Amino acid sequence: MSITVPFDLSYELEVRAGIDEVYALLADVPASASHFPHVERLVDLGRNTYRWELEKVGTEQVNIHTVYASKYVCDRRKRTVSWTPVPGVGNAQIAGEWTLTRRKSSTHALLHIHGEIGVGLPALMKLIVVPVVEHENERLVRQYLHNLAQSLGGEV
């Protein structure tokens, strides 16, 4: 049995770095992924498609081990980096987009991520598991944003 936890997250970030530097980092998936906490492996599947394998969170008996693949599309002119899920890979389907806007002395970055994560636990545990998965997912993304901001000269 499995519990499916949907999510839809949006975050804004304004960093001191210029738009070209921010775009270059986000469009380089391995470089960007190096800022995401608890990535066990990032596997290049070719054609700008990557499989993410996150470290297990929880105990040996009860844990979340997120694995998914996404195909990335980078548009330098629009300053966007978007990704769509690769069906049938792992226990999650994750899509999203970075949208960058040049500011006078900074770069505004909007991140939208949505999808679902499957957790291999009995449905009876849904009331406990869903809030834990949601909290952990949000915590990881917030840490990712913090790490990116530090790498890009800090937040404005």
N, C-alpha and C. Protein backbone atom coordinates (compact mmCIF):
# COMPACT_ATOMS: atom_id res chain seq x y z
N MET A 1 0.83 -1.19 0.00
CA MET A 1 0.00 0.00 0.00
C MET A 1 0.87 1.25 0.00
N SER A 2 0.28 2.31 -0.46
CA SER A 2 1.04 3.55 -0.54
C SER A 2 0.12 4.74 -0.26
N ILE A 3 0.69 5.76 0.33
CA ILE A 3 -0.01 7.01 0.58
C ILE A 3 0.56 8.03 -0.40
N THR A 4 -0.32 8.74 -1.09
CA THR A 4 0.11 9.78 -2.03
C THR A 4 -0.08 11.13 -1.37
N VAL A 5 0.98 11.92 -1.36
CA VAL A 5 0.95 13.25 -0.75
C VAL A 5 1.16 14.29 -1.85
N PRO A 6 0.09 15.01 -2.23
CA PRO A 6 0.25 16.07 -3.24
C PRO A 6 0.85 17.33 -2.60
N PHE A 7 1.49 18.15 -3.41
CA PHE A 7 1.99 19.43 -2.91
C PHE A 7 2.01 20.46 -4.03
N ASP A 8 1.95 21.71 -3.62
CA ASP A 8 1.98 22.84 -4.55
C ASP A 8 2.61 24.00 -3.77
N LEU A 9 3.86 24.31 -4.08
CA LEU A 9 4.62 25.30 -3.32
C LEU A 9 5.10 26.43 -4.23
N SER A 10 5.05 27.65 -3.70
CA SER A 10 5.59 28.80 -4.41
C SER A 10 6.44 29.62 -3.44
N TYR A 11 7.58 30.07 -3.92
CA TYR A 11 8.49 30.87 -3.10
C TYR A 11 9.07 31.98 -3.96
N GLU A 12 9.41 33.08 -3.29
CA GLU A 12 10.09 34.19 -3.95
C GLU A 12 11.41 34.43 -3.25
N LEU A 13 12.38 34.84 -4.02
CA LEU A 13 13.72 35.07 -3.51
C LEU A 13 14.31 36.23 -4.29
N GLU A 14 14.95 37.15 -3.60
CA GLU A 14 15.65 38.23 -4.29
C GLU A 14 17.10 38.22 -3.82
N VAL A 15 18.00 38.05 -4.78
CA VAL A 15 19.42 37.92 -4.46
C VAL A 15 20.23 39.05 -5.07
N ARG A 16 21.40 39.26 -4.52
CA ARG A 16 22.27 40.35 -4.97
C ARG A 16 22.91 40.10 -6.34
N ALA A 17 23.03 38.85 -6.73
CA ALA A 17 23.70 38.51 -7.99
C ALA A 17 22.87 38.99 -9.19
N GLY A 18 23.58 39.22 -10.29
CA GLY A 18 22.92 39.62 -11.53
C GLY A 18 22.16 38.46 -12.16
N ILE A 19 21.24 38.79 -13.03
CA ILE A 19 20.36 37.79 -13.63
C ILE A 19 21.13 36.74 -14.43
N ASP A 20 22.20 37.13 -15.10
CA ASP A 20 22.97 36.15 -15.88
C ASP A 20 23.63 35.11 -14.97
N GLU A 21 24.15 35.53 -13.84
CA GLU A 21 24.77 34.61 -12.88
C GLU A 21 23.72 33.67 -12.27
N VAL A 22 22.57 34.23 -11.92
CA VAL A 22 21.51 33.40 -11.32
C VAL A 22 21.01 32.39 -12.34
N TYR A 23 20.76 32.85 -13.55
CA TYR A 23 20.28 31.93 -14.59
C TYR A 23 21.30 30.82 -14.86
N ALA A 24 22.57 31.18 -14.94
CA ALA A 24 23.61 30.18 -15.22
C ALA A 24 23.62 29.09 -14.15
N LEU A 25 23.46 29.47 -12.90
CA LEU A 25 23.45 28.48 -11.82
C LEU A 25 22.21 27.59 -11.91
N LEU A 26 21.04 28.18 -12.09
CA LEU A 26 19.80 27.40 -12.10
C LEU A 26 19.67 26.53 -13.35
N ALA A 27 20.21 26.99 -14.47
CA ALA A 27 20.13 26.22 -15.71
C ALA A 27 21.12 25.05 -15.72
N ASP A 28 22.11 25.10 -14.86
CA ASP A 28 23.07 24.00 -14.70
C ASP A 28 22.51 23.08 -13.60
N VAL A 29 21.74 22.08 -13.99
CA VAL A 29 21.01 21.26 -13.03
C VAL A 29 21.93 20.64 -11.97
N PRO A 30 23.05 20.03 -12.33
CA PRO A 30 23.91 19.49 -11.27
C PRO A 30 24.42 20.57 -10.30
N ALA A 31 24.75 21.76 -10.81
CA ALA A 31 25.21 22.84 -9.93
C ALA A 31 24.09 23.29 -9.01
N SER A 32 22.91 23.45 -9.56
CA SER A 32 21.75 23.85 -8.75
C SER A 32 21.43 22.77 -7.72
N ALA A 33 21.44 21.51 -8.16
CA ALA A 33 21.12 20.39 -7.26
C ALA A 33 22.12 20.28 -6.11
N SER A 34 23.34 20.73 -6.33
CA SER A 34 24.34 20.65 -5.26
C SER A 34 23.97 21.54 -4.08
N HIS A 35 23.03 22.45 -4.26
CA HIS A 35 22.56 23.31 -3.18
C HIS A 35 21.37 22.71 -2.44
N PHE A 36 20.78 21.65 -2.99
CA PHE A 36 19.60 21.03 -2.38
C PHE A 36 20.08 20.07 -1.30
N PRO A 37 19.52 20.16 -0.09
CA PRO A 37 19.98 19.30 1.01
C PRO A 37 19.58 17.84 0.82
N HIS A 38 20.42 16.98 1.31
CA HIS A 38 20.16 15.54 1.39
C HIS A 38 19.99 14.84 0.05
N VAL A 39 20.66 15.34 -0.99
CA VAL A 39 20.66 14.63 -2.27
C VAL A 39 21.71 13.52 -2.16
N GLU A 40 21.24 12.30 -2.26
CA GLU A 40 22.15 11.15 -2.20
C GLU A 40 22.87 10.98 -3.54
N ARG A 41 22.08 11.07 -4.63
CA ARG A 41 22.63 10.95 -5.98
C ARG A 41 21.78 11.75 -6.95
N LEU A 42 22.44 12.34 -7.92
CA LEU A 42 21.78 12.96 -9.06
C LEU A 42 22.33 12.23 -10.28
N VAL A 43 21.46 11.53 -10.99
CA VAL A 43 21.90 10.70 -12.11
C VAL A 43 21.50 11.36 -13.43
N ASP A 44 22.47 11.64 -14.27
CA ASP A 44 22.22 12.22 -15.59
C ASP A 44 21.70 11.12 -16.51
N LEU A 45 20.44 11.22 -16.92
CA LEU A 45 19.82 10.24 -17.80
C LEU A 45 19.94 10.64 -19.27
N GLY A 46 20.60 11.78 -19.53
CA GLY A 46 20.76 12.27 -20.90
C GLY A 46 19.62 13.17 -21.31
N ARG A 47 19.87 13.99 -22.33
CA ARG A 47 18.86 14.88 -22.90
C ARG A 47 18.23 15.79 -21.85
N ASN A 48 19.08 16.31 -20.96
CA ASN A 48 18.68 17.24 -19.90
C ASN A 48 17.62 16.64 -18.97
N THR A 49 17.73 15.35 -18.73
CA THR A 49 16.84 14.62 -17.83
C THR A 49 17.68 14.04 -16.70
N TYR A 50 17.20 14.20 -15.48
CA TYR A 50 17.95 13.76 -14.31
C TYR A 50 17.05 12.99 -13.35
N ARG A 51 17.65 11.96 -12.73
CA ARG A 51 16.96 11.24 -11.66
C ARG A 51 17.55 11.71 -10.34
N TRP A 52 16.66 12.19 -9.48
CA TRP A 52 17.04 12.63 -8.14
C TRP A 52 16.78 11.50 -7.16
N GLU A 53 17.76 11.22 -6.32
CA GLU A 53 17.61 10.24 -5.26
C GLU A 53 17.99 10.94 -3.96
N LEU A 54 16.99 11.18 -3.11
CA LEU A 54 17.24 11.86 -1.85
C LEU A 54 17.54 10.83 -0.76
N GLU A 55 18.27 11.26 0.26
CA GLU A 55 18.55 10.38 1.38
C GLU A 55 17.26 10.02 2.10
N LYS A 56 17.25 8.84 2.70
CA LYS A 56 16.09 8.42 3.49
C LYS A 56 15.95 9.34 4.70
N VAL A 57 14.69 9.67 5.01
CA VAL A 57 14.38 10.48 6.18
C VAL A 57 13.48 9.63 7.07
N GLY A 58 13.79 9.55 8.35
CA GLY A 58 12.99 8.78 9.29
C GLY A 58 13.81 7.68 9.92
N THR A 59 13.11 6.66 10.38
CA THR A 59 13.76 5.52 11.01
C THR A 59 13.90 4.39 9.98
N GLU A 60 14.57 3.32 10.38
CA GLU A 60 14.72 2.17 9.48
C GLU A 60 13.36 1.55 9.15
N GLN A 61 12.45 1.54 10.12
CA GLN A 61 11.14 0.93 9.92
C GLN A 61 10.16 1.86 9.20
N VAL A 62 10.22 3.13 9.52
CA VAL A 62 9.30 4.11 8.93
C VAL A 62 10.14 5.24 8.34
N ASN A 63 10.18 5.30 7.00
CA ASN A 63 11.00 6.33 6.37
C ASN A 63 10.41 6.77 5.04
N ILE A 64 10.94 7.89 4.58
CA ILE A 64 10.58 8.43 3.28
C ILE A 64 11.86 8.45 2.46
N HIS A 65 11.82 7.83 1.30
CA HIS A 65 12.97 7.82 0.40
C HIS A 65 12.46 8.29 -0.96
N THR A 66 12.65 9.56 -1.25
CA THR A 66 12.11 10.16 -2.46
C THR A 66 13.06 9.95 -3.63
N VAL A 67 12.50 9.40 -4.71
CA VAL A 67 13.24 9.19 -5.96
C VAL A 67 12.31 9.63 -7.10
N TYR A 68 12.83 10.44 -8.01
CA TYR A 68 12.02 10.88 -9.15
C TYR A 68 12.95 11.33 -10.27
N ALA A 69 12.39 11.46 -11.46
CA ALA A 69 13.15 11.99 -12.59
C ALA A 69 12.34 13.12 -13.24
N SER A 70 13.07 14.11 -13.71
CA SER A 70 12.45 15.24 -14.39
C SER A 70 13.28 15.63 -15.60
N LYS A 71 12.57 16.12 -16.62
CA LYS A 71 13.22 16.64 -17.83
C LYS A 71 13.20 18.16 -17.73
N TYR A 72 14.33 18.77 -17.96
CA TYR A 72 14.50 20.21 -17.80
C TYR A 72 14.52 20.92 -19.15
N VAL A 73 13.90 22.10 -19.18
CA VAL A 73 13.92 22.97 -20.35
C VAL A 73 14.36 24.35 -19.87
N CYS A 74 15.44 24.84 -20.44
CA CYS A 74 16.00 26.13 -20.05
C CYS A 74 15.83 27.11 -21.21
N ASP A 75 15.27 28.27 -20.89
CA ASP A 75 15.04 29.30 -21.91
C ASP A 75 15.81 30.55 -21.51
N ARG A 76 16.97 30.74 -22.11
CA ARG A 76 17.83 31.88 -21.75
C ARG A 76 17.14 33.22 -22.03
N ARG A 77 16.42 33.30 -23.13
CA ARG A 77 15.75 34.55 -23.51
C ARG A 77 14.69 34.95 -22.48
N LYS A 78 13.88 33.99 -22.07
CA LYS A 78 12.82 34.26 -21.08
C LYS A 78 13.33 34.21 -19.65
N ARG A 79 14.55 33.70 -19.48
CA ARG A 79 15.14 33.52 -18.14
C ARG A 79 14.27 32.61 -17.27
N THR A 80 13.92 31.45 -17.85
CA THR A 80 13.16 30.45 -17.11
C THR A 80 13.87 29.10 -17.18
N VAL A 81 13.67 28.32 -16.14
CA VAL A 81 14.11 26.94 -16.09
C VAL A 81 12.91 26.16 -15.59
N SER A 82 12.41 25.24 -16.42
CA SER A 82 11.24 24.48 -16.02
C SER A 82 11.54 22.99 -16.12
N TRP A 83 10.77 22.20 -15.41
CA TRP A 83 10.95 20.75 -15.45
C TRP A 83 9.61 20.05 -15.32
N THR A 84 9.54 18.91 -16.00
CA THR A 84 8.34 18.08 -15.99
C THR A 84 8.73 16.67 -15.57
N PRO A 85 7.81 15.96 -14.94
CA PRO A 85 8.14 14.62 -14.46
C PRO A 85 8.30 13.61 -15.59
N VAL A 86 9.14 12.63 -15.33
CA VAL A 86 9.30 11.48 -16.22
C VAL A 86 8.46 10.36 -15.60
N PRO A 87 7.37 9.97 -16.25
CA PRO A 87 6.50 8.95 -15.68
C PRO A 87 7.23 7.62 -15.47
N GLY A 88 6.84 6.94 -14.40
CA GLY A 88 7.35 5.60 -14.14
C GLY A 88 8.71 5.52 -13.48
N VAL A 89 9.28 6.65 -13.08
CA VAL A 89 10.58 6.63 -12.41
C VAL A 89 10.38 7.05 -10.96
N GLY A 90 10.67 6.14 -10.05
CA GLY A 90 10.63 6.46 -8.63
C GLY A 90 9.25 6.52 -8.03
N ASN A 91 9.16 7.20 -6.89
CA ASN A 91 7.91 7.28 -6.14
C ASN A 91 7.34 8.70 -6.10
N ALA A 92 7.85 9.57 -6.95
CA ALA A 92 7.36 10.95 -6.96
C ALA A 92 7.26 11.45 -8.39
N GLN A 93 6.37 12.38 -8.59
CA GLN A 93 6.22 13.08 -9.86
C GLN A 93 6.31 14.56 -9.53
N ILE A 94 7.38 15.21 -9.99
CA ILE A 94 7.64 16.58 -9.58
C ILE A 94 7.87 17.45 -10.81
N ALA A 95 7.16 18.58 -10.84
CA ALA A 95 7.29 19.57 -11.91
C ALA A 95 7.52 20.93 -11.27
N GLY A 96 8.04 21.86 -12.04
CA GLY A 96 8.24 23.19 -11.48
C GLY A 96 8.84 24.14 -12.48
N GLU A 97 9.06 25.35 -11.98
CA GLU A 97 9.65 26.38 -12.84
C GLU A 97 10.27 27.48 -11.99
N TRP A 98 11.44 27.92 -12.44
CA TRP A 98 12.06 29.14 -11.95
C TRP A 98 11.77 30.22 -12.99
N THR A 99 11.35 31.39 -12.53
CA THR A 99 11.17 32.55 -13.40
C THR A 99 11.98 33.69 -12.80
N LEU A 100 12.89 34.24 -13.59
CA LEU A 100 13.78 35.30 -13.11
C LEU A 100 13.40 36.65 -13.68
N THR A 101 13.56 37.67 -12.86
CA THR A 101 13.30 39.04 -13.29
C THR A 101 14.47 39.91 -12.85
N ARG A 102 14.99 40.69 -13.81
CA ARG A 102 16.10 41.61 -13.51
C ARG A 102 15.55 42.79 -12.72
N ARG A 103 16.24 43.12 -11.65
CA ARG A 103 15.94 44.33 -10.87
C ARG A 103 17.14 45.25 -11.00
N LYS A 104 17.02 46.45 -10.52
CA LYS A 104 18.09 47.44 -10.69
C LYS A 104 19.44 46.92 -10.20
N SER A 105 19.49 46.38 -8.99
CA SER A 105 20.77 45.90 -8.47
C SER A 105 20.63 44.50 -7.85
N SER A 106 19.67 43.73 -8.38
CA SER A 106 19.45 42.39 -7.85
C SER A 106 18.67 41.56 -8.88
N THR A 107 18.38 40.33 -8.51
CA THR A 107 17.56 39.45 -9.33
C THR A 107 16.45 38.87 -8.48
N HIS A 108 15.23 38.97 -8.99
CA HIS A 108 14.07 38.38 -8.32
C HIS A 108 13.83 37.01 -8.94
N ALA A 109 13.69 36.01 -8.08
CA ALA A 109 13.47 34.64 -8.55
C ALA A 109 12.18 34.11 -7.95
N LEU A 110 11.33 33.60 -8.81
CA LEU A 110 10.07 32.98 -8.38
C LEU A 110 10.18 31.50 -8.66
N LEU A 111 9.95 30.68 -7.64
CA LEU A 111 10.00 29.23 -7.77
C LEU A 111 8.62 28.67 -7.51
N HIS A 112 8.15 27.84 -8.42
CA HIS A 112 6.89 27.13 -8.24
C HIS A 112 7.16 25.65 -8.46
N ILE A 113 6.80 24.83 -7.47
CA ILE A 113 7.00 23.38 -7.54
C ILE A 113 5.67 22.72 -7.21
N HIS A 114 5.32 21.69 -7.97
CA HIS A 114 4.10 20.95 -7.66
C HIS A 114 4.27 19.50 -8.08
N GLY A 115 3.48 18.66 -7.48
CA GLY A 115 3.55 17.24 -7.80
C GLY A 115 3.00 16.39 -6.68
N GLU A 116 3.52 15.17 -6.61
CA GLU A 116 3.08 14.26 -5.55
C GLU A 116 4.20 13.28 -5.23
N ILE A 117 4.18 12.87 -3.97
CA ILE A 117 5.16 11.91 -3.48
C ILE A 117 4.40 10.71 -2.93
N GLY A 118 4.79 9.52 -3.34
CA GLY A 118 4.20 8.29 -2.83
C GLY A 118 5.05 7.75 -1.69
N VAL A 119 4.40 7.41 -0.58
CA VAL A 119 5.10 6.89 0.58
C VAL A 119 4.58 5.48 0.83
N GLY A 120 5.47 4.51 0.86
CA GLY A 120 5.10 3.11 1.01
C GLY A 120 4.71 2.73 2.43
N LEU A 121 3.62 3.28 2.90
CA LEU A 121 3.12 2.97 4.23
C LEU A 121 1.62 2.71 4.14
N PRO A 122 1.05 1.98 5.11
CA PRO A 122 -0.38 1.68 5.08
C PRO A 122 -1.24 2.95 5.16
N ALA A 123 -2.38 2.91 4.51
CA ALA A 123 -3.31 4.05 4.49
C ALA A 123 -3.73 4.46 5.89
N LEU A 124 -3.68 3.55 6.85
CA LEU A 124 -4.04 3.88 8.23
C LEU A 124 -3.14 4.97 8.81
N MET A 125 -1.95 5.10 8.26
CA MET A 125 -0.99 6.08 8.77
C MET A 125 -1.10 7.44 8.08
N LYS A 126 -2.08 7.60 7.20
CA LYS A 126 -2.19 8.81 6.40
C LYS A 126 -2.25 10.08 7.25
N LEU A 127 -3.02 10.08 8.32
CA LEU A 127 -3.16 11.28 9.15
C LEU A 127 -1.83 11.69 9.78
N ILE A 128 -0.96 10.75 9.99
CA ILE A 128 0.35 11.06 10.57
C ILE A 128 1.36 11.39 9.47
N VAL A 129 1.34 10.62 8.40
CA VAL A 129 2.36 10.72 7.35
C VAL A 129 2.24 12.00 6.53
N VAL A 130 1.04 12.38 6.14
CA VAL A 130 0.87 13.54 5.25
C VAL A 130 1.48 14.81 5.84
N PRO A 131 1.17 15.19 7.09
CA PRO A 131 1.80 16.41 7.62
C PRO A 131 3.33 16.31 7.73
N VAL A 132 3.84 15.13 8.03
CA VAL A 132 5.28 14.95 8.14
C VAL A 132 5.94 15.13 6.78
N VAL A 133 5.38 14.53 5.75
CA VAL A 133 5.93 14.66 4.39
C VAL A 133 5.84 16.12 3.93
N GLU A 134 4.71 16.77 4.17
CA GLU A 134 4.56 18.18 3.77
C GLU A 134 5.60 19.05 4.47
N HIS A 135 5.75 18.85 5.77
CA HIS A 135 6.71 19.65 6.53
C HIS A 135 8.14 19.42 6.03
N GLU A 136 8.50 18.16 5.84
CA GLU A 136 9.86 17.83 5.39
C GLU A 136 10.14 18.40 4.00
N ASN A 137 9.17 18.31 3.11
CA ASN A 137 9.31 18.85 1.76
C ASN A 137 9.53 20.36 1.81
N GLU A 138 8.72 21.06 2.60
CA GLU A 138 8.87 22.51 2.72
C GLU A 138 10.20 22.88 3.36
N ARG A 139 10.62 22.12 4.36
CA ARG A 139 11.89 22.39 5.03
C ARG A 139 13.06 22.25 4.05
N LEU A 140 13.04 21.20 3.24
CA LEU A 140 14.11 20.98 2.27
C LEU A 140 14.17 22.10 1.24
N VAL A 141 13.01 22.52 0.74
CA VAL A 141 12.97 23.59 -0.27
C VAL A 141 13.44 24.91 0.34
N ARG A 142 13.02 25.21 1.56
CA ARG A 142 13.48 26.45 2.21
C ARG A 142 15.00 26.43 2.41
N GLN A 143 15.56 25.27 2.77
CA GLN A 143 17.01 25.16 2.95
C GLN A 143 17.72 25.32 1.60
N TYR A 144 17.14 24.76 0.56
CA TYR A 144 17.67 24.90 -0.81
C TYR A 144 17.73 26.39 -1.19
N LEU A 145 16.65 27.12 -0.94
CA LEU A 145 16.62 28.55 -1.26
C LEU A 145 17.67 29.31 -0.46
N HIS A 146 17.79 28.98 0.80
CA HIS A 146 18.81 29.62 1.64
C HIS A 146 20.20 29.36 1.08
N ASN A 147 20.48 28.11 0.73
CA ASN A 147 21.79 27.75 0.18
C ASN A 147 22.07 28.48 -1.13
N LEU A 148 21.06 28.55 -2.00
CA LEU A 148 21.22 29.28 -3.26
C LEU A 148 21.51 30.76 -3.00
N ALA A 149 20.74 31.36 -2.10
CA ALA A 149 20.91 32.78 -1.78
C ALA A 149 22.32 33.05 -1.28
N GLN A 150 22.83 32.18 -0.40
CA GLN A 150 24.20 32.36 0.12
C GLN A 150 25.21 32.29 -1.01
N SER A 151 25.01 31.39 -1.95
CA SER A 151 25.92 31.22 -3.08
C SER A 151 25.85 32.40 -4.05
N LEU A 152 24.71 33.09 -4.05
CA LEU A 152 24.49 34.19 -5.00
C LEU A 152 24.60 35.55 -4.34
N GLY A 153 25.41 35.64 -3.31
CA GLY A 153 25.69 36.94 -2.69
C GLY A 153 24.74 37.36 -1.59
N GLY A 154 23.84 36.51 -1.21
CA GLY A 154 22.89 36.82 -0.14
C GLY A 154 21.61 37.42 -0.66
N GLU A 155 20.63 37.44 0.24
CA GLU A 155 19.33 38.01 -0.12
C GLU A 155 19.37 39.53 0.02
N VAL A 156 18.52 40.18 -0.75
CA VAL A 156 18.39 41.63 -0.68
C VAL A 156 17.41 41.96 0.42
